[in-house]
Structures are given as structure tokens and as C-alpha cells.
Amino acid sequence: MSGDGRTRRSRAAPRWAVWLVAASALPAATTSRACGVCDQDKVAATYDHAVVTTAASEHHRMLFAAIIGPVAVGDVGLAGRLTRTLERAAGVDAGTARVSLSPAAVSLVWDPSRTTRARLLAALTRRLERHGLSLRPIEAALPSGTVAPERASSR
């Protein structure tokens, strides 16, 4: 109270409001989610360390790619069809294709003694066209000691 009997109002926010703002910001501070938009999220969604290290030991190459086209996130049948389609391409190592529908991406291992990256991408493009899809290769930095993906400029 002031000297004249009036109650002095604080200009500071009420304590409950401060706690409310702090509590609402807490989930954002403690939770980190991939947005699925950037290439790193697409690589992470299809990365399998066992596949990458096996590829390195066999001197094979990794291909990471974004799926371009309509993909229904929960379409398990599509994921299976894409996996089979990818693994039927000449030069792809059996059992290495990984498919993510959210974010839409694939990865696989291929044998450079059987095909080139350009031929592989052309074959995959032809195969995926019947699903209304295509691939956009992603250049990925892999952990030290594992196989480096062949660069787009190489044949």
C-alpha cells in the first residue's frame, strides 16, 4: 500500500503467467524431431549401419535417394513393392534396400563391378516410373571407416 491508502499494483506479470509461459516452452526445449524435409533426415531414415559396414568390407557403394512423387505414409504395401523393385535392379545387393515413406527416401548397396551409378539410376528410374515415382540422389557423408558413396560426377 502506498501512504495514501491505495494498493500499489505491480507491473510485473503475475507469477502464474510466468509459469504458464515457461511450462509451454518446455516440450520444445526437450524434444527434437526430424522435420523430414532436409536430405539429412532422409539419409537418417534409411541408414542401416550393418548394411553400410558390409558394403565397405565388400568395396561396394551406397546410394541414398529421396523419393519424388506421391507417397502415402502408412502404405506398407508400397514400401514392400518399392523394396522388391529396387532389389531387382542389376547390380543391387540383395537384402540391402531400405525404404522410408516418412520422410520419403531409399537407400541401397550396389556393386560397382556390375554397373555404374548412372546406369543404376537409369534402371531404377525406369522401374519406379510404373509406381509414378522417381529418385533424386542424395550425397551423404558417412562415418569414418565406412564406404563413401560414389559421387554424381563419377561413372
N, C-alpha and C. Protein backbone atom coordinates (compact mmCIF):
# COMPACT_ATOMS: atom_id res chain seq x y z
N MET A 1 0.83 -1.18 0.00
CA MET A 1 0.00 0.00 0.00
C MET A 1 0.86 1.23 0.00
N SER A 2 0.37 2.24 -0.65
CA SER A 2 1.08 3.50 -0.64
C SER A 2 0.64 4.28 0.59
N GLY A 3 1.24 5.40 0.83
CA GLY A 3 0.97 6.21 2.01
C GLY A 3 -0.45 6.74 2.06
N ASP A 4 -1.15 6.85 0.94
CA ASP A 4 -2.50 7.41 0.94
C ASP A 4 -3.57 6.32 1.03
N GLY A 5 -3.20 5.07 1.30
CA GLY A 5 -4.16 4.00 1.49
C GLY A 5 -4.51 3.22 0.23
N ARG A 6 -3.99 3.63 -0.90
CA ARG A 6 -4.26 2.89 -2.14
C ARG A 6 -3.30 1.72 -2.28
N THR A 7 -3.77 0.66 -2.94
CA THR A 7 -2.92 -0.52 -3.18
C THR A 7 -2.08 -0.26 -4.42
N ARG A 8 -0.85 -0.54 -4.29
CA ARG A 8 0.07 -0.36 -5.42
C ARG A 8 0.05 -1.64 -6.27
N ARG A 9 -0.16 -1.49 -7.57
CA ARG A 9 -0.18 -2.63 -8.48
C ARG A 9 1.21 -2.82 -9.07
N SER A 10 1.63 -4.04 -9.10
CA SER A 10 2.93 -4.36 -9.69
C SER A 10 2.78 -4.42 -11.20
N ARG A 11 3.76 -3.91 -11.89
CA ARG A 11 3.76 -4.01 -13.35
C ARG A 11 4.30 -5.36 -13.82
N ALA A 12 4.83 -6.12 -12.94
CA ALA A 12 5.36 -7.44 -13.30
C ALA A 12 4.21 -8.40 -13.58
N ALA A 13 4.44 -9.37 -14.47
CA ALA A 13 3.42 -10.36 -14.81
C ALA A 13 3.13 -11.20 -13.56
N PRO A 14 1.89 -11.62 -13.43
CA PRO A 14 1.57 -12.49 -12.29
C PRO A 14 2.42 -13.76 -12.36
N ARG A 15 2.73 -14.28 -11.21
CA ARG A 15 3.59 -15.46 -11.12
C ARG A 15 3.04 -16.64 -11.93
N TRP A 16 1.72 -16.84 -11.93
CA TRP A 16 1.12 -17.95 -12.67
C TRP A 16 1.35 -17.80 -14.17
N ALA A 17 1.37 -16.58 -14.67
CA ALA A 17 1.59 -16.36 -16.10
C ALA A 17 3.02 -16.71 -16.49
N VAL A 18 3.97 -16.37 -15.64
CA VAL A 18 5.37 -16.71 -15.90
C VAL A 18 5.52 -18.23 -15.97
N TRP A 19 4.90 -18.94 -15.01
CA TRP A 19 4.98 -20.40 -15.00
C TRP A 19 4.30 -21.01 -16.22
N LEU A 20 3.20 -20.42 -16.64
CA LEU A 20 2.48 -20.92 -17.81
C LEU A 20 3.33 -20.80 -19.07
N VAL A 21 3.97 -19.68 -19.25
CA VAL A 21 4.83 -19.48 -20.42
C VAL A 21 6.02 -20.43 -20.37
N ALA A 22 6.63 -20.57 -19.21
CA ALA A 22 7.79 -21.47 -19.06
C ALA A 22 7.39 -22.92 -19.33
N ALA A 23 6.24 -23.33 -18.81
CA ALA A 23 5.80 -24.71 -19.00
C ALA A 23 5.44 -25.00 -20.45
N SER A 24 4.89 -24.03 -21.14
CA SER A 24 4.53 -24.26 -22.54
C SER A 24 5.75 -24.35 -23.44
N ALA A 25 6.86 -23.75 -23.04
CA ALA A 25 8.09 -23.80 -23.83
C ALA A 25 8.89 -25.06 -23.55
N LEU A 26 8.61 -25.73 -22.44
CA LEU A 26 9.39 -26.91 -22.04
C LEU A 26 9.40 -28.02 -23.08
N PRO A 27 8.27 -28.44 -23.67
CA PRO A 27 8.34 -29.51 -24.68
C PRO A 27 9.23 -29.17 -25.86
N ALA A 28 9.23 -27.94 -26.29
CA ALA A 28 10.08 -27.54 -27.42
C ALA A 28 11.54 -27.62 -27.05
N ALA A 29 11.85 -27.37 -25.80
CA ALA A 29 13.25 -27.39 -25.37
C ALA A 29 13.76 -28.80 -25.15
N THR A 30 12.87 -29.75 -24.86
CA THR A 30 13.32 -31.11 -24.53
C THR A 30 13.11 -32.10 -25.66
N THR A 31 12.33 -31.75 -26.66
CA THR A 31 12.02 -32.67 -27.75
C THR A 31 12.64 -32.16 -29.04
N SER A 32 13.33 -33.04 -29.72
CA SER A 32 13.88 -32.68 -31.02
C SER A 32 13.39 -33.69 -32.03
N ARG A 33 12.72 -33.21 -33.07
CA ARG A 33 12.20 -34.10 -34.10
C ARG A 33 12.78 -33.74 -35.45
N ALA A 34 12.91 -34.76 -36.25
CA ALA A 34 13.33 -34.51 -37.63
C ALA A 34 12.14 -33.99 -38.40
N CYS A 35 12.38 -33.02 -39.23
CA CYS A 35 11.27 -32.44 -39.99
C CYS A 35 10.96 -33.25 -41.24
N GLY A 36 11.93 -34.06 -41.71
CA GLY A 36 11.70 -34.87 -42.89
C GLY A 36 11.91 -34.14 -44.20
N VAL A 37 12.24 -32.86 -44.13
CA VAL A 37 12.39 -32.07 -45.34
C VAL A 37 13.83 -32.12 -45.85
N CYS A 38 14.79 -32.06 -44.96
CA CYS A 38 16.18 -31.97 -45.41
C CYS A 38 16.74 -33.35 -45.77
N ASP A 39 17.78 -33.33 -46.57
CA ASP A 39 18.40 -34.58 -47.02
C ASP A 39 18.96 -35.40 -45.86
N GLN A 40 19.46 -34.74 -44.82
CA GLN A 40 20.00 -35.48 -43.68
C GLN A 40 18.92 -36.35 -43.02
N ASP A 41 17.70 -35.85 -42.95
CA ASP A 41 16.61 -36.65 -42.39
C ASP A 41 16.31 -37.86 -43.26
N LYS A 42 16.38 -37.69 -44.56
CA LYS A 42 16.12 -38.80 -45.49
C LYS A 42 17.20 -39.87 -45.38
N VAL A 43 18.44 -39.44 -45.26
CA VAL A 43 19.53 -40.40 -45.08
C VAL A 43 19.36 -41.12 -43.75
N ALA A 44 19.09 -40.37 -42.70
CA ALA A 44 18.93 -40.98 -41.37
C ALA A 44 17.78 -41.99 -41.34
N ALA A 45 16.72 -41.72 -42.07
CA ALA A 45 15.56 -42.61 -42.07
C ALA A 45 15.86 -43.95 -42.73
N THR A 46 16.85 -44.00 -43.61
CA THR A 46 17.15 -45.25 -44.33
C THR A 46 18.54 -45.80 -44.01
N TYR A 47 19.25 -45.15 -43.11
CA TYR A 47 20.61 -45.57 -42.77
C TYR A 47 20.57 -46.84 -41.92
N ASP A 48 21.35 -47.83 -42.31
CA ASP A 48 21.48 -49.07 -41.55
C ASP A 48 22.98 -49.34 -41.44
N HIS A 49 23.52 -49.19 -40.25
CA HIS A 49 24.97 -49.27 -40.07
C HIS A 49 25.52 -50.63 -40.49
N ALA A 50 24.80 -51.70 -40.22
CA ALA A 50 25.27 -53.04 -40.63
C ALA A 50 25.39 -53.12 -42.15
N VAL A 51 24.43 -52.55 -42.86
CA VAL A 51 24.47 -52.56 -44.33
C VAL A 51 25.65 -51.73 -44.82
N VAL A 52 25.85 -50.57 -44.22
CA VAL A 52 26.95 -49.68 -44.63
C VAL A 52 28.30 -50.33 -44.39
N THR A 53 28.50 -50.95 -43.24
CA THR A 53 29.80 -51.57 -42.95
C THR A 53 30.04 -52.81 -43.81
N THR A 54 28.99 -53.58 -44.11
CA THR A 54 29.14 -54.72 -45.01
C THR A 54 29.52 -54.24 -46.40
N ALA A 55 28.87 -53.17 -46.86
CA ALA A 55 29.21 -52.60 -48.17
C ALA A 55 30.67 -52.18 -48.21
N ALA A 56 31.15 -51.59 -47.14
CA ALA A 56 32.55 -51.15 -47.09
C ALA A 56 33.50 -52.34 -47.18
N SER A 57 33.17 -53.41 -46.46
CA SER A 57 34.05 -54.58 -46.47
C SER A 57 34.08 -55.26 -47.83
N GLU A 58 33.02 -55.10 -48.61
CA GLU A 58 32.95 -55.72 -49.94
C GLU A 58 33.32 -54.75 -51.06
N HIS A 59 33.72 -53.54 -50.69
CA HIS A 59 34.08 -52.48 -51.66
C HIS A 59 32.92 -52.15 -52.59
N HIS A 60 31.71 -52.18 -52.04
CA HIS A 60 30.53 -51.80 -52.79
C HIS A 60 30.17 -50.36 -52.42
N ARG A 61 29.19 -49.80 -53.08
CA ARG A 61 28.82 -48.39 -52.90
C ARG A 61 27.41 -48.26 -52.33
N MET A 62 27.18 -47.16 -51.62
CA MET A 62 25.86 -46.83 -51.09
C MET A 62 25.18 -45.83 -52.02
N LEU A 63 23.89 -45.98 -52.14
CA LEU A 63 23.07 -44.97 -52.82
C LEU A 63 21.97 -44.57 -51.85
N PHE A 64 21.92 -43.28 -51.54
CA PHE A 64 20.82 -42.70 -50.77
C PHE A 64 20.07 -41.80 -51.73
N ALA A 65 18.73 -41.84 -51.67
CA ALA A 65 17.95 -41.02 -52.60
C ALA A 65 16.61 -40.64 -51.97
N ALA A 66 16.15 -39.46 -52.35
CA ALA A 66 14.80 -39.01 -51.98
C ALA A 66 13.83 -39.60 -52.99
N ILE A 67 12.66 -40.00 -52.52
CA ILE A 67 11.60 -40.46 -53.41
C ILE A 67 10.82 -39.23 -53.84
N ILE A 68 10.67 -39.07 -55.13
CA ILE A 68 9.90 -37.96 -55.68
C ILE A 68 8.59 -38.50 -56.23
N GLY A 69 7.48 -37.98 -55.76
CA GLY A 69 6.17 -38.41 -56.23
C GLY A 69 5.25 -38.69 -55.06
N PRO A 70 4.01 -39.10 -55.36
CA PRO A 70 3.01 -39.32 -54.31
C PRO A 70 3.29 -40.58 -53.50
N VAL A 71 3.44 -40.39 -52.20
CA VAL A 71 3.70 -41.50 -51.29
C VAL A 71 2.76 -41.36 -50.09
N ALA A 72 1.97 -42.39 -49.82
CA ALA A 72 1.10 -42.40 -48.65
C ALA A 72 1.90 -42.95 -47.47
N VAL A 73 2.00 -42.18 -46.42
CA VAL A 73 2.86 -42.53 -45.28
C VAL A 73 2.59 -43.93 -44.74
N GLY A 74 1.36 -44.32 -44.59
CA GLY A 74 1.06 -45.61 -43.99
C GLY A 74 0.93 -46.77 -44.96
N ASP A 75 1.33 -46.59 -46.20
CA ASP A 75 1.15 -47.62 -47.23
C ASP A 75 2.26 -48.66 -47.14
N VAL A 76 2.07 -49.64 -46.25
CA VAL A 76 3.07 -50.69 -46.05
C VAL A 76 3.27 -51.51 -47.33
N GLY A 77 2.20 -51.70 -48.08
CA GLY A 77 2.30 -52.43 -49.34
C GLY A 77 3.23 -51.74 -50.32
N LEU A 78 3.13 -50.41 -50.38
CA LEU A 78 4.01 -49.65 -51.27
C LEU A 78 5.46 -49.80 -50.84
N ALA A 79 5.72 -49.74 -49.56
CA ALA A 79 7.09 -49.90 -49.07
C ALA A 79 7.66 -51.25 -49.50
N GLY A 80 6.87 -52.30 -49.38
CA GLY A 80 7.31 -53.63 -49.80
C GLY A 80 7.55 -53.71 -51.30
N ARG A 81 6.62 -53.14 -52.08
CA ARG A 81 6.79 -53.15 -53.54
C ARG A 81 8.04 -52.37 -53.96
N LEU A 82 8.27 -51.24 -53.31
CA LEU A 82 9.46 -50.45 -53.65
C LEU A 82 10.74 -51.21 -53.30
N THR A 83 10.76 -51.86 -52.15
CA THR A 83 11.93 -52.64 -51.75
C THR A 83 12.23 -53.72 -52.78
N ARG A 84 11.21 -54.46 -53.18
CA ARG A 84 11.40 -55.52 -54.19
C ARG A 84 11.84 -54.92 -55.53
N THR A 85 11.23 -53.82 -55.92
CA THR A 85 11.58 -53.17 -57.19
C THR A 85 13.04 -52.73 -57.18
N LEU A 86 13.49 -52.14 -56.10
CA LEU A 86 14.88 -51.67 -56.01
C LEU A 86 15.85 -52.84 -56.08
N GLU A 87 15.55 -53.91 -55.36
CA GLU A 87 16.49 -55.03 -55.27
C GLU A 87 16.54 -55.87 -56.54
N ARG A 88 15.59 -55.71 -57.42
CA ARG A 88 15.60 -56.45 -58.69
C ARG A 88 16.49 -55.79 -59.75
N ALA A 89 16.93 -54.58 -59.50
CA ALA A 89 17.77 -53.87 -60.47
C ALA A 89 19.16 -54.51 -60.50
N ALA A 90 19.72 -54.62 -61.69
CA ALA A 90 21.05 -55.21 -61.86
C ALA A 90 22.09 -54.44 -61.06
N GLY A 91 22.88 -55.18 -60.30
CA GLY A 91 23.96 -54.57 -59.53
C GLY A 91 23.62 -54.27 -58.09
N VAL A 92 22.33 -54.31 -57.72
CA VAL A 92 21.93 -54.02 -56.34
C VAL A 92 22.12 -55.28 -55.50
N ASP A 93 22.76 -55.13 -54.34
CA ASP A 93 22.97 -56.26 -53.44
C ASP A 93 21.66 -56.65 -52.77
N ALA A 94 21.32 -57.92 -52.84
CA ALA A 94 20.09 -58.43 -52.24
C ALA A 94 20.06 -58.15 -50.73
N GLY A 95 18.90 -57.76 -50.26
CA GLY A 95 18.71 -57.53 -48.83
C GLY A 95 19.20 -56.20 -48.31
N THR A 96 19.65 -55.32 -49.20
CA THR A 96 20.22 -54.04 -48.74
C THR A 96 19.30 -52.84 -48.92
N ALA A 97 18.21 -53.00 -49.66
CA ALA A 97 17.33 -51.85 -49.90
C ALA A 97 16.57 -51.51 -48.62
N ARG A 98 16.55 -50.23 -48.30
CA ARG A 98 15.79 -49.71 -47.16
C ARG A 98 14.86 -48.63 -47.71
N VAL A 99 13.60 -48.66 -47.32
CA VAL A 99 12.61 -47.70 -47.80
C VAL A 99 11.96 -47.02 -46.61
N SER A 100 11.86 -45.72 -46.67
CA SER A 100 11.12 -44.92 -45.69
C SER A 100 10.05 -44.14 -46.44
N LEU A 101 8.84 -44.17 -45.91
CA LEU A 101 7.77 -43.40 -46.53
C LEU A 101 7.61 -42.03 -45.86
N SER A 102 8.19 -41.86 -44.68
CA SER A 102 8.14 -40.57 -44.00
C SER A 102 9.41 -40.38 -43.19
N PRO A 103 10.37 -39.63 -43.70
CA PRO A 103 10.37 -38.95 -44.98
C PRO A 103 10.58 -39.95 -46.12
N ALA A 104 10.14 -39.57 -47.29
CA ALA A 104 10.17 -40.45 -48.46
C ALA A 104 11.60 -40.58 -48.98
N ALA A 105 12.21 -41.75 -48.74
CA ALA A 105 13.61 -41.93 -49.12
C ALA A 105 13.92 -43.42 -49.24
N VAL A 106 15.04 -43.70 -49.92
CA VAL A 106 15.53 -45.07 -50.05
C VAL A 106 17.04 -45.08 -49.88
N SER A 107 17.55 -46.24 -49.55
CA SER A 107 19.00 -46.47 -49.60
C SER A 107 19.20 -47.91 -50.06
N LEU A 108 20.36 -48.15 -50.66
CA LEU A 108 20.70 -49.50 -51.11
C LEU A 108 22.19 -49.57 -51.36
N VAL A 109 22.67 -50.79 -51.49
CA VAL A 109 24.08 -51.03 -51.80
C VAL A 109 24.14 -51.59 -53.21
N TRP A 110 25.13 -51.12 -53.96
CA TRP A 110 25.30 -51.63 -55.32
C TRP A 110 26.76 -51.96 -55.57
N ASP A 111 26.97 -52.86 -56.51
CA ASP A 111 28.29 -53.38 -56.83
C ASP A 111 28.86 -52.64 -58.05
N PRO A 112 29.91 -51.84 -57.86
CA PRO A 112 30.46 -51.07 -58.98
C PRO A 112 31.14 -51.95 -60.04
N SER A 113 31.39 -53.22 -59.75
CA SER A 113 31.95 -54.10 -60.78
C SER A 113 30.86 -54.62 -61.72
N ARG A 114 29.57 -54.43 -61.34
CA ARG A 114 28.46 -54.91 -62.16
C ARG A 114 27.72 -53.80 -62.91
N THR A 115 27.83 -52.57 -62.43
CA THR A 115 27.12 -51.46 -63.08
C THR A 115 27.75 -50.14 -62.64
N THR A 116 27.37 -49.08 -63.33
CA THR A 116 27.80 -47.74 -62.93
C THR A 116 26.66 -47.05 -62.20
N ARG A 117 26.98 -46.00 -61.54
CA ARG A 117 25.94 -45.23 -60.83
C ARG A 117 24.91 -44.69 -61.83
N ALA A 118 25.38 -44.18 -62.95
CA ALA A 118 24.46 -43.64 -63.96
C ALA A 118 23.52 -44.71 -64.50
N ARG A 119 24.05 -45.89 -64.80
CA ARG A 119 23.21 -46.99 -65.30
C ARG A 119 22.22 -47.46 -64.23
N LEU A 120 22.70 -47.53 -63.01
CA LEU A 120 21.83 -47.94 -61.90
C LEU A 120 20.67 -46.96 -61.74
N LEU A 121 20.97 -45.68 -61.72
CA LEU A 121 19.91 -44.67 -61.57
C LEU A 121 18.93 -44.71 -62.74
N ALA A 122 19.43 -44.93 -63.94
CA ALA A 122 18.54 -45.04 -65.11
C ALA A 122 17.62 -46.25 -64.97
N ALA A 123 18.17 -47.38 -64.54
CA ALA A 123 17.37 -48.59 -64.37
C ALA A 123 16.33 -48.40 -63.26
N LEU A 124 16.73 -47.79 -62.16
CA LEU A 124 15.79 -47.55 -61.06
C LEU A 124 14.68 -46.59 -61.48
N THR A 125 15.04 -45.58 -62.24
CA THR A 125 14.05 -44.62 -62.73
C THR A 125 13.01 -45.32 -63.59
N ARG A 126 13.46 -46.18 -64.50
CA ARG A 126 12.52 -46.92 -65.35
C ARG A 126 11.59 -47.80 -64.50
N ARG A 127 12.15 -48.46 -63.52
CA ARG A 127 11.36 -49.36 -62.67
C ARG A 127 10.35 -48.60 -61.81
N LEU A 128 10.74 -47.43 -61.32
CA LEU A 128 9.86 -46.67 -60.42
C LEU A 128 8.79 -45.88 -61.15
N GLU A 129 9.00 -45.64 -62.45
CA GLU A 129 8.00 -44.90 -63.24
C GLU A 129 6.63 -45.57 -63.19
N ARG A 130 6.60 -46.90 -63.14
CA ARG A 130 5.30 -47.59 -63.10
C ARG A 130 4.56 -47.35 -61.78
N HIS A 131 5.28 -46.88 -60.76
CA HIS A 131 4.65 -46.50 -59.49
C HIS A 131 4.38 -45.00 -59.43
N GLY A 132 4.71 -44.29 -60.53
CA GLY A 132 4.54 -42.83 -60.55
C GLY A 132 5.59 -42.10 -59.73
N LEU A 133 6.74 -42.73 -59.54
CA LEU A 133 7.79 -42.18 -58.67
C LEU A 133 9.11 -42.06 -59.41
N SER A 134 10.00 -41.27 -58.84
CA SER A 134 11.38 -41.19 -59.32
C SER A 134 12.27 -40.95 -58.11
N LEU A 135 13.57 -40.97 -58.36
CA LEU A 135 14.54 -40.77 -57.28
C LEU A 135 15.40 -39.55 -57.55
N ARG A 136 15.78 -38.89 -56.45
CA ARG A 136 16.77 -37.81 -56.51
C ARG A 136 17.91 -38.22 -55.60
N PRO A 137 19.08 -38.54 -56.19
CA PRO A 137 20.21 -38.99 -55.37
C PRO A 137 20.60 -37.94 -54.33
N ILE A 138 21.04 -38.42 -53.18
CA ILE A 138 21.49 -37.56 -52.08
C ILE A 138 22.96 -37.88 -51.82
N GLU A 139 23.77 -36.85 -51.79
CA GLU A 139 25.17 -37.03 -51.41
C GLU A 139 25.22 -37.07 -49.89
N ALA A 140 25.75 -38.15 -49.35
CA ALA A 140 25.76 -38.33 -47.90
C ALA A 140 27.18 -38.53 -47.39
N ALA A 141 27.50 -37.85 -46.31
CA ALA A 141 28.78 -38.06 -45.64
C ALA A 141 28.57 -39.20 -44.65
N LEU A 142 29.31 -40.27 -44.82
CA LEU A 142 29.17 -41.43 -43.94
C LEU A 142 30.25 -41.44 -42.89
N PRO A 143 30.04 -42.18 -41.78
CA PRO A 143 31.03 -42.22 -40.71
C PRO A 143 32.39 -42.67 -41.20
N SER A 144 33.41 -42.18 -40.56
CA SER A 144 34.78 -42.55 -40.90
C SER A 144 34.94 -44.07 -40.81
N GLY A 145 35.64 -44.64 -41.77
CA GLY A 145 35.88 -46.08 -41.78
C GLY A 145 34.84 -46.87 -42.55
N THR A 146 33.81 -46.19 -43.05
CA THR A 146 32.81 -46.89 -43.85
C THR A 146 32.96 -46.45 -45.30
N VAL A 147 32.16 -47.04 -46.16
CA VAL A 147 32.27 -46.79 -47.59
C VAL A 147 31.71 -45.41 -47.94
N ALA A 148 32.41 -44.72 -48.79
CA ALA A 148 31.91 -43.42 -49.27
C ALA A 148 31.04 -43.67 -50.49
N PRO A 149 29.92 -42.98 -50.60
CA PRO A 149 29.10 -43.15 -51.79
C PRO A 149 29.82 -42.59 -53.01
N GLU A 150 29.56 -43.19 -54.15
CA GLU A 150 30.19 -42.68 -55.37
C GLU A 150 29.56 -41.35 -55.71
N ARG A 151 30.37 -40.38 -56.06
CA ARG A 151 29.89 -39.03 -56.36
C ARG A 151 29.18 -38.98 -57.70
N ALA A 152 28.30 -38.02 -57.83
CA ALA A 152 27.49 -37.88 -59.04
C ALA A 152 28.34 -37.71 -60.29
N SER A 153 29.52 -37.17 -60.15
CA SER A 153 30.36 -36.93 -61.33
C SER A 153 31.06 -38.19 -61.81
N SER A 154 31.07 -39.23 -60.99
CA SER A 154 31.76 -40.46 -61.41
C SER A 154 30.82 -41.33 -62.23
N ARG A 155 31.41 -42.20 -63.01
CA ARG A 155 30.61 -43.08 -63.87
C ARG A 155 30.64 -44.41 -63.29
